[in-house]
Structures are given as structure tokens and as C-alpha cells.
mmCIF file of all heavy atoms, coordinates in Angstrom:
data_MODEL
# 
_entry.id   MODEL 
# 
loop_
_atom_site.group_PDB 
_atom_site.id 
_atom_site.type_symbol 
_atom_site.label_atom_id 
_atom_site.label_alt_id 
_atom_site.label_comp_id 
_atom_site.label_asym_id 
_atom_site.label_entity_id 
_atom_site.label_seq_id 
_atom_site.pdbx_PDB_ins_code 
_atom_site.Cartn_x 
_atom_site.Cartn_y 
_atom_site.Cartn_z 
_atom_site.occupancy 
_atom_site.B_iso_or_equiv 
_atom_site.pdbx_formal_charge 
_atom_site.auth_seq_id 
_atom_site.auth_comp_id 
_atom_site.auth_asym_id 
_atom_site.auth_atom_id 
_atom_site.pdbx_PDB_model_num 
ATOM 1   N N   . GLY A 1 1  ? 102.975 165.799 77.142 1.00 0.00 ? 1  GLY A N   1 
ATOM 2   C CA  . GLY A 1 1  ? 102.305 164.733 77.744 1.00 0.00 ? 1  GLY A CA  1 
ATOM 3   C C   . GLY A 1 1  ? 103.124 163.432 77.953 1.00 0.00 ? 1  GLY A C   1 
ATOM 4   O O   . GLY A 1 1  ? 102.601 162.566 78.603 1.00 0.00 ? 1  GLY A O   1 
ATOM 5   N N   . CYS A 1 2  ? 104.294 163.489 77.364 1.00 0.00 ? 2  CYS A N   1 
ATOM 6   C CA  . CYS A 1 2  ? 105.155 162.365 77.376 1.00 0.00 ? 2  CYS A CA  1 
ATOM 7   C C   . CYS A 1 2  ? 106.486 162.706 78.079 1.00 0.00 ? 2  CYS A C   1 
ATOM 8   O O   . CYS A 1 2  ? 107.106 163.667 77.747 1.00 0.00 ? 2  CYS A O   1 
ATOM 9   C CB  . CYS A 1 2  ? 105.419 161.694 76.004 1.00 0.00 ? 2  CYS A CB  1 
ATOM 10  S SG  . CYS A 1 2  ? 106.569 160.359 76.008 1.00 0.00 ? 2  CYS A SG  1 
ATOM 11  N N   . GLY A 1 3  ? 107.038 161.882 79.052 1.00 0.00 ? 3  GLY A N   1 
ATOM 12  C CA  . GLY A 1 3  ? 108.238 162.165 79.685 1.00 0.00 ? 3  GLY A CA  1 
ATOM 13  C C   . GLY A 1 3  ? 109.313 162.120 78.655 1.00 0.00 ? 3  GLY A C   1 
ATOM 14  O O   . GLY A 1 3  ? 109.318 161.507 77.643 1.00 0.00 ? 3  GLY A O   1 
ATOM 15  N N   . ASP A 1 4  ? 110.527 162.737 78.962 1.00 0.00 ? 4  ASP A N   1 
ATOM 16  C CA  . ASP A 1 4  ? 111.582 162.911 78.087 1.00 0.00 ? 4  ASP A CA  1 
ATOM 17  C C   . ASP A 1 4  ? 112.971 162.921 78.794 1.00 0.00 ? 4  ASP A C   1 
ATOM 18  O O   . ASP A 1 4  ? 112.943 163.151 80.090 1.00 0.00 ? 4  ASP A O   1 
ATOM 19  C CB  . ASP A 1 4  ? 111.489 164.103 77.094 1.00 0.00 ? 4  ASP A CB  1 
ATOM 20  C CG  . ASP A 1 4  ? 110.944 165.393 77.904 1.00 0.00 ? 4  ASP A CG  1 
ATOM 21  O OD1 . ASP A 1 4  ? 111.647 165.675 78.896 1.00 0.00 ? 4  ASP A OD1 1 
ATOM 22  O OD2 . ASP A 1 4  ? 109.923 165.937 77.484 1.00 0.00 ? 4  ASP A OD2 1 
ATOM 23  N N   . PHE A 1 5  ? 114.009 162.793 78.112 1.00 0.00 ? 5  PHE A N   1 
ATOM 24  C CA  . PHE A 1 5  ? 115.323 162.824 78.801 1.00 0.00 ? 5  PHE A CA  1 
ATOM 25  C C   . PHE A 1 5  ? 115.661 164.193 79.453 1.00 0.00 ? 5  PHE A C   1 
ATOM 26  O O   . PHE A 1 5  ? 116.355 164.312 80.381 1.00 0.00 ? 5  PHE A O   1 
ATOM 27  C CB  . PHE A 1 5  ? 116.419 162.376 77.755 1.00 0.00 ? 5  PHE A CB  1 
ATOM 28  C CG  . PHE A 1 5  ? 116.704 160.915 77.824 1.00 0.00 ? 5  PHE A CG  1 
ATOM 29  C CD1 . PHE A 1 5  ? 116.252 160.147 76.706 1.00 0.00 ? 5  PHE A CD1 1 
ATOM 30  C CD2 . PHE A 1 5  ? 117.197 160.215 78.804 1.00 0.00 ? 5  PHE A CD2 1 
ATOM 31  C CE1 . PHE A 1 5  ? 116.471 158.754 76.637 1.00 0.00 ? 5  PHE A CE1 1 
ATOM 32  C CE2 . PHE A 1 5  ? 117.380 158.873 78.792 1.00 0.00 ? 5  PHE A CE2 1 
ATOM 33  C CZ  . PHE A 1 5  ? 116.971 158.092 77.763 1.00 0.00 ? 5  PHE A CZ  1 
ATOM 34  N N   . GLU A 1 6  ? 115.062 165.211 78.618 1.00 0.00 ? 6  GLU A N   1 
ATOM 35  C CA  . GLU A 1 6  ? 115.383 166.556 79.238 1.00 0.00 ? 6  GLU A CA  1 
ATOM 36  C C   . GLU A 1 6  ? 114.673 166.763 80.644 1.00 0.00 ? 6  GLU A C   1 
ATOM 37  O O   . GLU A 1 6  ? 115.259 167.229 81.603 1.00 0.00 ? 6  GLU A O   1 
ATOM 38  C CB  . GLU A 1 6  ? 114.881 167.621 78.331 1.00 0.00 ? 6  GLU A CB  1 
ATOM 39  C CG  . GLU A 1 6  ? 115.194 169.060 78.778 1.00 0.00 ? 6  GLU A CG  1 
ATOM 40  C CD  . GLU A 1 6  ? 114.821 170.077 77.673 1.00 0.00 ? 6  GLU A CD  1 
ATOM 41  O OE1 . GLU A 1 6  ? 114.155 169.728 76.745 1.00 0.00 ? 6  GLU A OE1 1 
ATOM 42  O OE2 . GLU A 1 6  ? 115.152 171.273 77.868 1.00 0.00 ? 6  GLU A OE2 1 
ATOM 43  N N   . GLY A 1 7  ? 113.505 166.157 80.770 1.00 0.00 ? 7  GLY A N   1 
ATOM 44  C CA  . GLY A 1 7  ? 112.730 166.150 82.008 1.00 0.00 ? 7  GLY A CA  1 
ATOM 45  C C   . GLY A 1 7  ? 113.489 165.375 83.044 1.00 0.00 ? 7  GLY A C   1 
ATOM 46  O O   . GLY A 1 7  ? 113.672 165.785 84.267 1.00 0.00 ? 7  GLY A O   1 
ATOM 47  N N   . LEU A 1 8  ? 113.958 164.194 82.671 1.00 0.00 ? 8  LEU A N   1 
ATOM 48  C CA  . LEU A 1 8  ? 114.776 163.355 83.558 1.00 0.00 ? 8  LEU A CA  1 
ATOM 49  C C   . LEU A 1 8  ? 115.990 164.120 84.162 1.00 0.00 ? 8  LEU A C   1 
ATOM 50  O O   . LEU A 1 8  ? 116.394 164.036 85.234 1.00 0.00 ? 8  LEU A O   1 
ATOM 51  C CB  . LEU A 1 8  ? 114.977 162.057 82.911 1.00 0.00 ? 8  LEU A CB  1 
ATOM 52  C CG  . LEU A 1 8  ? 115.909 161.006 83.671 1.00 0.00 ? 8  LEU A CG  1 
ATOM 53  C CD1 . LEU A 1 8  ? 115.360 160.646 85.014 1.00 0.00 ? 8  LEU A CD1 1 
ATOM 54  C CD2 . LEU A 1 8  ? 116.236 159.810 82.814 1.00 0.00 ? 8  LEU A CD2 1 
ATOM 55  N N   . ALA A 1 9  ? 116.664 164.715 83.186 1.00 0.00 ? 9  ALA A N   1 
ATOM 56  C CA  . ALA A 1 9  ? 117.874 165.503 83.568 1.00 0.00 ? 9  ALA A CA  1 
ATOM 57  C C   . ALA A 1 9  ? 117.607 166.611 84.622 1.00 0.00 ? 9  ALA A C   1 
ATOM 58  O O   . ALA A 1 9  ? 118.377 166.877 85.560 1.00 0.00 ? 9  ALA A O   1 
ATOM 59  C CB  . ALA A 1 9  ? 118.541 166.088 82.298 1.00 0.00 ? 9  ALA A CB  1 
ATOM 60  N N   . HIS A 1 10 ? 116.364 167.161 84.496 1.00 0.00 ? 10 HIS A N   1 
ATOM 61  C CA  . HIS A 1 10 ? 116.028 168.229 85.482 1.00 0.00 ? 10 HIS A CA  1 
ATOM 62  C C   . HIS A 1 10 ? 115.520 167.639 86.757 1.00 0.00 ? 10 HIS A C   1 
ATOM 63  O O   . HIS A 1 10 ? 115.383 168.428 87.767 1.00 0.00 ? 10 HIS A O   1 
ATOM 64  C CB  . HIS A 1 10 ? 114.851 169.072 84.902 1.00 0.00 ? 10 HIS A CB  1 
ATOM 65  C CG  . HIS A 1 10 ? 115.313 170.102 83.925 1.00 0.00 ? 10 HIS A CG  1 
ATOM 66  N ND1 . HIS A 1 10 ? 115.509 169.929 82.644 1.00 0.00 ? 10 HIS A ND1 1 
ATOM 67  C CD2 . HIS A 1 10 ? 115.704 171.405 84.237 1.00 0.00 ? 10 HIS A CD2 1 
ATOM 68  C CE1 . HIS A 1 10 ? 115.990 171.085 81.947 1.00 0.00 ? 10 HIS A CE1 1 
ATOM 69  N NE2 . HIS A 1 10 ? 116.062 171.911 82.918 1.00 0.00 ? 10 HIS A NE2 1 
ATOM 70  N N   . ARG A 1 11 ? 115.357 166.331 86.858 1.00 0.00 ? 11 ARG A N   1 
ATOM 71  C CA  . ARG A 1 11 ? 114.957 165.665 88.178 1.00 0.00 ? 11 ARG A CA  1 
ATOM 72  C C   . ARG A 1 11 ? 116.099 164.822 88.644 1.00 0.00 ? 11 ARG A C   1 
ATOM 73  O O   . ARG A 1 11 ? 115.769 164.177 89.656 1.00 0.00 ? 11 ARG A O   1 
ATOM 74  C CB  . ARG A 1 11 ? 113.734 164.903 87.925 1.00 0.00 ? 11 ARG A CB  1 
ATOM 75  C CG  . ARG A 1 11 ? 112.513 165.825 87.602 1.00 0.00 ? 11 ARG A CG  1 
ATOM 76  C CD  . ARG A 1 11 ? 112.133 166.595 88.915 1.00 0.00 ? 11 ARG A CD  1 
ATOM 77  N NE  . ARG A 1 11 ? 110.927 167.482 88.725 1.00 0.00 ? 11 ARG A NE  1 
ATOM 78  C CZ  . ARG A 1 11 ? 110.975 168.676 88.397 1.00 0.00 ? 11 ARG A CZ  1 
ATOM 79  N NH1 . ARG A 1 11 ? 112.216 169.320 88.190 1.00 0.00 ? 11 ARG A NH1 1 
ATOM 80  N NH2 . ARG A 1 11 ? 109.844 169.449 88.234 1.00 0.00 ? 11 ARG A NH2 1 
ATOM 81  N N   . ILE A 1 12 ? 117.191 164.878 87.990 1.00 0.00 ? 12 ILE A N   1 
ATOM 82  C CA  . ILE A 1 12 ? 118.298 163.952 88.493 1.00 0.00 ? 12 ILE A CA  1 
ATOM 83  C C   . ILE A 1 12 ? 118.830 164.272 89.978 1.00 0.00 ? 12 ILE A C   1 
ATOM 84  O O   . ILE A 1 12 ? 119.356 163.316 90.687 1.00 0.00 ? 12 ILE A O   1 
ATOM 85  C CB  . ILE A 1 12 ? 119.415 163.938 87.429 1.00 0.00 ? 12 ILE A CB  1 
ATOM 86  C CG1 . ILE A 1 12 ? 120.350 162.747 87.659 1.00 0.00 ? 12 ILE A CG1 1 
ATOM 87  C CG2 . ILE A 1 12 ? 120.250 165.250 87.601 1.00 0.00 ? 12 ILE A CG2 1 
ATOM 88  C CD1 . ILE A 1 12 ? 121.369 162.518 86.489 1.00 0.00 ? 12 ILE A CD1 1 
ATOM 89  N N   . ASP A 1 13 ? 118.640 165.428 90.351 1.00 0.00 ? 13 ASP A N   1 
ATOM 90  C CA  . ASP A 1 13 ? 119.139 165.893 91.654 1.00 0.00 ? 13 ASP A CA  1 
ATOM 91  C C   . ASP A 1 13 ? 118.200 165.263 92.739 1.00 0.00 ? 13 ASP A C   1 
ATOM 92  O O   . ASP A 1 13 ? 118.691 165.013 93.963 1.00 0.00 ? 13 ASP A O   1 
ATOM 93  C CB  . ASP A 1 13 ? 119.251 167.331 91.892 1.00 0.00 ? 13 ASP A CB  1 
ATOM 94  C CG  . ASP A 1 13 ? 120.524 167.930 91.151 1.00 0.00 ? 13 ASP A CG  1 
ATOM 95  O OD1 . ASP A 1 13 ? 121.435 167.281 90.977 1.00 0.00 ? 13 ASP A OD1 1 
ATOM 96  O OD2 . ASP A 1 13 ? 120.224 169.046 90.510 1.00 0.00 ? 13 ASP A OD2 1 
ATOM 97  N N   . HIS A 1 14 ? 116.926 164.991 92.448 1.00 0.00 ? 14 HIS A N   1 
ATOM 98  C CA  . HIS A 1 14 ? 116.102 164.198 93.421 1.00 0.00 ? 14 HIS A CA  1 
ATOM 99  C C   . HIS A 1 14 ? 116.691 162.820 93.697 1.00 0.00 ? 14 HIS A C   1 
ATOM 100 O O   . HIS A 1 14 ? 116.741 162.478 94.780 1.00 0.00 ? 14 HIS A O   1 
ATOM 101 C CB  . HIS A 1 14 ? 114.661 164.168 92.839 1.00 0.00 ? 14 HIS A CB  1 
ATOM 102 C CG  . HIS A 1 14 ? 113.851 163.087 93.495 1.00 0.00 ? 14 HIS A CG  1 
ATOM 103 N ND1 . HIS A 1 14 ? 113.407 163.120 94.801 1.00 0.00 ? 14 HIS A ND1 1 
ATOM 104 C CD2 . HIS A 1 14 ? 113.445 161.817 93.046 1.00 0.00 ? 14 HIS A CD2 1 
ATOM 105 C CE1 . HIS A 1 14 ? 112.755 162.094 95.160 1.00 0.00 ? 14 HIS A CE1 1 
ATOM 106 N NE2 . HIS A 1 14 ? 112.806 161.268 94.122 1.00 0.00 ? 14 HIS A NE2 1 
ATOM 107 N N   . LEU A 1 15 ? 117.078 162.214 92.644 1.00 0.00 ? 15 LEU A N   1 
ATOM 108 C CA  . LEU A 1 15 ? 117.686 160.889 92.645 1.00 0.00 ? 15 LEU A CA  1 
ATOM 109 C C   . LEU A 1 15 ? 119.065 160.880 93.396 1.00 0.00 ? 15 LEU A C   1 
ATOM 110 O O   . LEU A 1 15 ? 119.273 159.988 94.200 1.00 0.00 ? 15 LEU A O   1 
ATOM 111 C CB  . LEU A 1 15 ? 117.935 160.239 91.207 1.00 0.00 ? 15 LEU A CB  1 
ATOM 112 C CG  . LEU A 1 15 ? 116.509 160.139 90.589 1.00 0.00 ? 15 LEU A CG  1 
ATOM 113 C CD1 . LEU A 1 15 ? 116.856 159.791 89.078 1.00 0.00 ? 15 LEU A CD1 1 
ATOM 114 C CD2 . LEU A 1 15 ? 115.615 159.009 91.110 1.00 0.00 ? 15 LEU A CD2 1 
ATOM 115 N N   . ALA A 1 16 ? 119.774 161.925 93.128 1.00 0.00 ? 16 ALA A N   1 
ATOM 116 C CA  . ALA A 1 16 ? 121.113 161.993 93.870 1.00 0.00 ? 16 ALA A CA  1 
ATOM 117 C C   . ALA A 1 16 ? 120.885 162.328 95.335 1.00 0.00 ? 16 ALA A C   1 
ATOM 118 O O   . ALA A 1 16 ? 121.547 161.630 96.192 1.00 0.00 ? 16 ALA A O   1 
ATOM 119 C CB  . ALA A 1 16 ? 121.987 163.171 93.319 1.00 0.00 ? 16 ALA A CB  1 
ATOM 120 N N   . ASP A 1 17 ? 120.012 163.222 95.686 1.00 0.00 ? 17 ASP A N   1 
ATOM 121 C CA  . ASP A 1 17 ? 119.582 163.411 97.111 1.00 0.00 ? 17 ASP A CA  1 
ATOM 122 C C   . ASP A 1 17 ? 119.089 162.269 97.755 1.00 0.00 ? 17 ASP A C   1 
ATOM 123 O O   . ASP A 1 17 ? 119.323 162.049 98.980 1.00 0.00 ? 17 ASP A O   1 
ATOM 124 C CB  . ASP A 1 17 ? 118.611 164.551 97.119 1.00 0.00 ? 17 ASP A CB  1 
ATOM 125 C CG  . ASP A 1 17 ? 118.364 164.986 98.522 1.00 0.00 ? 17 ASP A CG  1 
ATOM 126 O OD1 . ASP A 1 17 ? 119.285 165.371 99.178 1.00 0.00 ? 17 ASP A OD1 1 
ATOM 127 O OD2 . ASP A 1 17 ? 117.177 164.970 98.975 1.00 0.00 ? 17 ASP A OD2 1 
ATOM 128 N N   . LEU A 1 18 ? 118.287 161.402 97.088 1.00 0.00 ? 18 LEU A N   1 
ATOM 129 C CA  . LEU A 1 18 ? 117.779 160.201 97.672 1.00 0.00 ? 18 LEU A CA  1 
ATOM 130 C C   . LEU A 1 18 ? 118.852 159.231 98.056 1.00 0.00 ? 18 LEU A C   1 
ATOM 131 O O   . LEU A 1 18 ? 118.715 158.416 99.048 1.00 0.00 ? 18 LEU A O   1 
ATOM 132 C CB  . LEU A 1 18 ? 116.779 159.504 96.633 1.00 0.00 ? 18 LEU A CB  1 
ATOM 133 C CG  . LEU A 1 18 ? 116.057 158.342 97.113 1.00 0.00 ? 18 LEU A CG  1 
ATOM 134 C CD1 . LEU A 1 18 ? 115.159 158.529 98.381 1.00 0.00 ? 18 LEU A CD1 1 
ATOM 135 C CD2 . LEU A 1 18 ? 115.130 157.721 95.949 1.00 0.00 ? 18 LEU A CD2 1 
ATOM 136 N N   . GLY A 1 19 ? 119.975 159.199 97.339 1.00 0.00 ? 19 GLY A N   1 
ATOM 137 C CA  . GLY A 1 19 ? 120.965 158.321 97.549 1.00 0.00 ? 19 GLY A CA  1 
ATOM 138 C C   . GLY A 1 19 ? 121.186 157.198 96.577 1.00 0.00 ? 19 GLY A C   1 
ATOM 139 O O   . GLY A 1 19 ? 121.975 156.243 96.727 1.00 0.00 ? 19 GLY A O   1 
ATOM 140 N N   . VAL A 1 20 ? 120.463 157.244 95.446 1.00 0.00 ? 20 VAL A N   1 
ATOM 141 C CA  . VAL A 1 20 ? 120.536 156.347 94.364 1.00 0.00 ? 20 VAL A CA  1 
ATOM 142 C C   . VAL A 1 20 ? 121.975 156.319 93.757 1.00 0.00 ? 20 VAL A C   1 
ATOM 143 O O   . VAL A 1 20 ? 122.516 157.372 93.491 1.00 0.00 ? 20 VAL A O   1 
ATOM 144 C CB  . VAL A 1 20 ? 119.543 156.639 93.279 1.00 0.00 ? 20 VAL A CB  1 
ATOM 145 C CG1 . VAL A 1 20 ? 119.686 155.666 92.010 1.00 0.00 ? 20 VAL A CG1 1 
ATOM 146 C CG2 . VAL A 1 20 ? 118.083 156.430 93.879 1.00 0.00 ? 20 VAL A CG2 1 
ATOM 147 N N   . THR A 1 21 ? 122.519 155.147 93.510 1.00 0.00 ? 21 THR A N   1 
ATOM 148 C CA  . THR A 1 21 ? 123.885 155.110 92.956 1.00 0.00 ? 21 THR A CA  1 
ATOM 149 C C   . THR A 1 21 ? 123.878 154.479 91.519 1.00 0.00 ? 21 THR A C   1 
ATOM 150 O O   . THR A 1 21 ? 124.842 154.365 90.795 1.00 0.00 ? 21 THR A O   1 
ATOM 151 C CB  . THR A 1 21 ? 124.803 154.296 93.760 1.00 0.00 ? 21 THR A CB  1 
ATOM 152 O OG1 . THR A 1 21 ? 124.305 152.922 93.973 1.00 0.00 ? 21 THR A OG1 1 
ATOM 153 C CG2 . THR A 1 21 ? 124.851 154.915 95.171 1.00 0.00 ? 21 THR A CG2 1 
ATOM 154 N N   . CYS A 1 22 ? 122.646 153.731 91.109 1.00 0.00 ? 22 CYS A N   1 
ATOM 155 C CA  . CYS A 1 22 ? 122.556 153.150 89.832 1.00 0.00 ? 22 CYS A CA  1 
ATOM 156 C C   . CYS A 1 22 ? 121.144 153.244 89.225 1.00 0.00 ? 22 CYS A C   1 
ATOM 157 O O   . CYS A 1 22 ? 120.168 152.848 89.913 1.00 0.00 ? 22 CYS A O   1 
ATOM 158 C CB  . CYS A 1 22 ? 122.975 151.614 89.976 1.00 0.00 ? 22 CYS A CB  1 
ATOM 159 S SG  . CYS A 1 22 ? 122.786 150.728 88.315 1.00 0.00 ? 22 CYS A SG  1 
ATOM 160 N N   . LEU A 1 23 ? 121.029 153.952 88.064 1.00 0.00 ? 23 LEU A N   1 
ATOM 161 C CA  . LEU A 1 23 ? 119.747 154.142 87.402 1.00 0.00 ? 23 LEU A CA  1 
ATOM 162 C C   . LEU A 1 23 ? 119.539 152.927 86.419 1.00 0.00 ? 23 LEU A C   1 
ATOM 163 O O   . LEU A 1 23 ? 120.388 152.785 85.591 1.00 0.00 ? 23 LEU A O   1 
ATOM 164 C CB  . LEU A 1 23 ? 119.621 155.435 86.826 1.00 0.00 ? 23 LEU A CB  1 
ATOM 165 C CG  . LEU A 1 23 ? 119.754 156.660 87.773 1.00 0.00 ? 23 LEU A CG  1 
ATOM 166 C CD1 . LEU A 1 23 ? 119.822 157.961 86.881 1.00 0.00 ? 23 LEU A CD1 1 
ATOM 167 C CD2 . LEU A 1 23 ? 118.565 156.680 88.700 1.00 0.00 ? 23 LEU A CD2 1 
ATOM 168 N N   . TRP A 1 24 ? 118.406 152.246 86.603 1.00 0.00 ? 24 TRP A N   1 
ATOM 169 C CA  . TRP A 1 24 ? 118.068 151.327 85.479 1.00 0.00 ? 24 TRP A CA  1 
ATOM 170 C C   . TRP A 1 24 ? 116.927 151.886 84.728 1.00 0.00 ? 24 TRP A C   1 
ATOM 171 O O   . TRP A 1 24 ? 115.849 152.257 85.217 1.00 0.00 ? 24 TRP A O   1 
ATOM 172 C CB  . TRP A 1 24 ? 117.606 150.086 86.222 1.00 0.00 ? 24 TRP A CB  1 
ATOM 173 C CG  . TRP A 1 24 ? 116.648 149.084 85.458 1.00 0.00 ? 24 TRP A CG  1 
ATOM 174 C CD1 . TRP A 1 24 ? 116.554 149.011 84.103 1.00 0.00 ? 24 TRP A CD1 1 
ATOM 175 C CD2 . TRP A 1 24 ? 115.789 148.123 85.960 1.00 0.00 ? 24 TRP A CD2 1 
ATOM 176 N NE1 . TRP A 1 24 ? 115.566 148.152 83.698 1.00 0.00 ? 24 TRP A NE1 1 
ATOM 177 C CE2 . TRP A 1 24 ? 115.118 147.501 84.951 1.00 0.00 ? 24 TRP A CE2 1 
ATOM 178 C CE3 . TRP A 1 24 ? 115.552 147.671 87.328 1.00 0.00 ? 24 TRP A CE3 1 
ATOM 179 C CZ2 . TRP A 1 24 ? 114.070 146.475 85.120 1.00 0.00 ? 24 TRP A CZ2 1 
ATOM 180 C CZ3 . TRP A 1 24 ? 114.555 146.750 87.425 1.00 0.00 ? 24 TRP A CZ3 1 
ATOM 181 C CH2 . TRP A 1 24 ? 113.882 146.097 86.433 1.00 0.00 ? 24 TRP A CH2 1 
ATOM 182 N N   . LEU A 1 25 ? 117.239 152.151 83.380 1.00 0.00 ? 25 LEU A N   1 
ATOM 183 C CA  . LEU A 1 25 ? 116.180 152.750 82.540 1.00 0.00 ? 25 LEU A CA  1 
ATOM 184 C C   . LEU A 1 25 ? 115.499 151.682 81.820 1.00 0.00 ? 25 LEU A C   1 
ATOM 185 O O   . LEU A 1 25 ? 116.094 150.841 81.155 1.00 0.00 ? 25 LEU A O   1 
ATOM 186 C CB  . LEU A 1 25 ? 116.827 153.624 81.560 1.00 0.00 ? 25 LEU A CB  1 
ATOM 187 C CG  . LEU A 1 25 ? 117.655 154.783 82.111 1.00 0.00 ? 25 LEU A CG  1 
ATOM 188 C CD1 . LEU A 1 25 ? 118.251 155.695 80.920 1.00 0.00 ? 25 LEU A CD1 1 
ATOM 189 C CD2 . LEU A 1 25 ? 116.946 155.618 83.077 1.00 0.00 ? 25 LEU A CD2 1 
# 
């Protein structure tokens, strides 16, 4: 029920495809 770094890693290609160049956590 809580997001995690493993989940973020599995969705990182969405961010790359979007064109993001800097992630602010």
C-alpha cells in the first residue's frame, strides 16, 4: 500500500519517455 524505490525503478522508463531530465524526490 506504500510506494517504494523498487516501484519507482520499474516506472523510470515512463519518465525517460516523457523527456524528464531531472527528478526531484
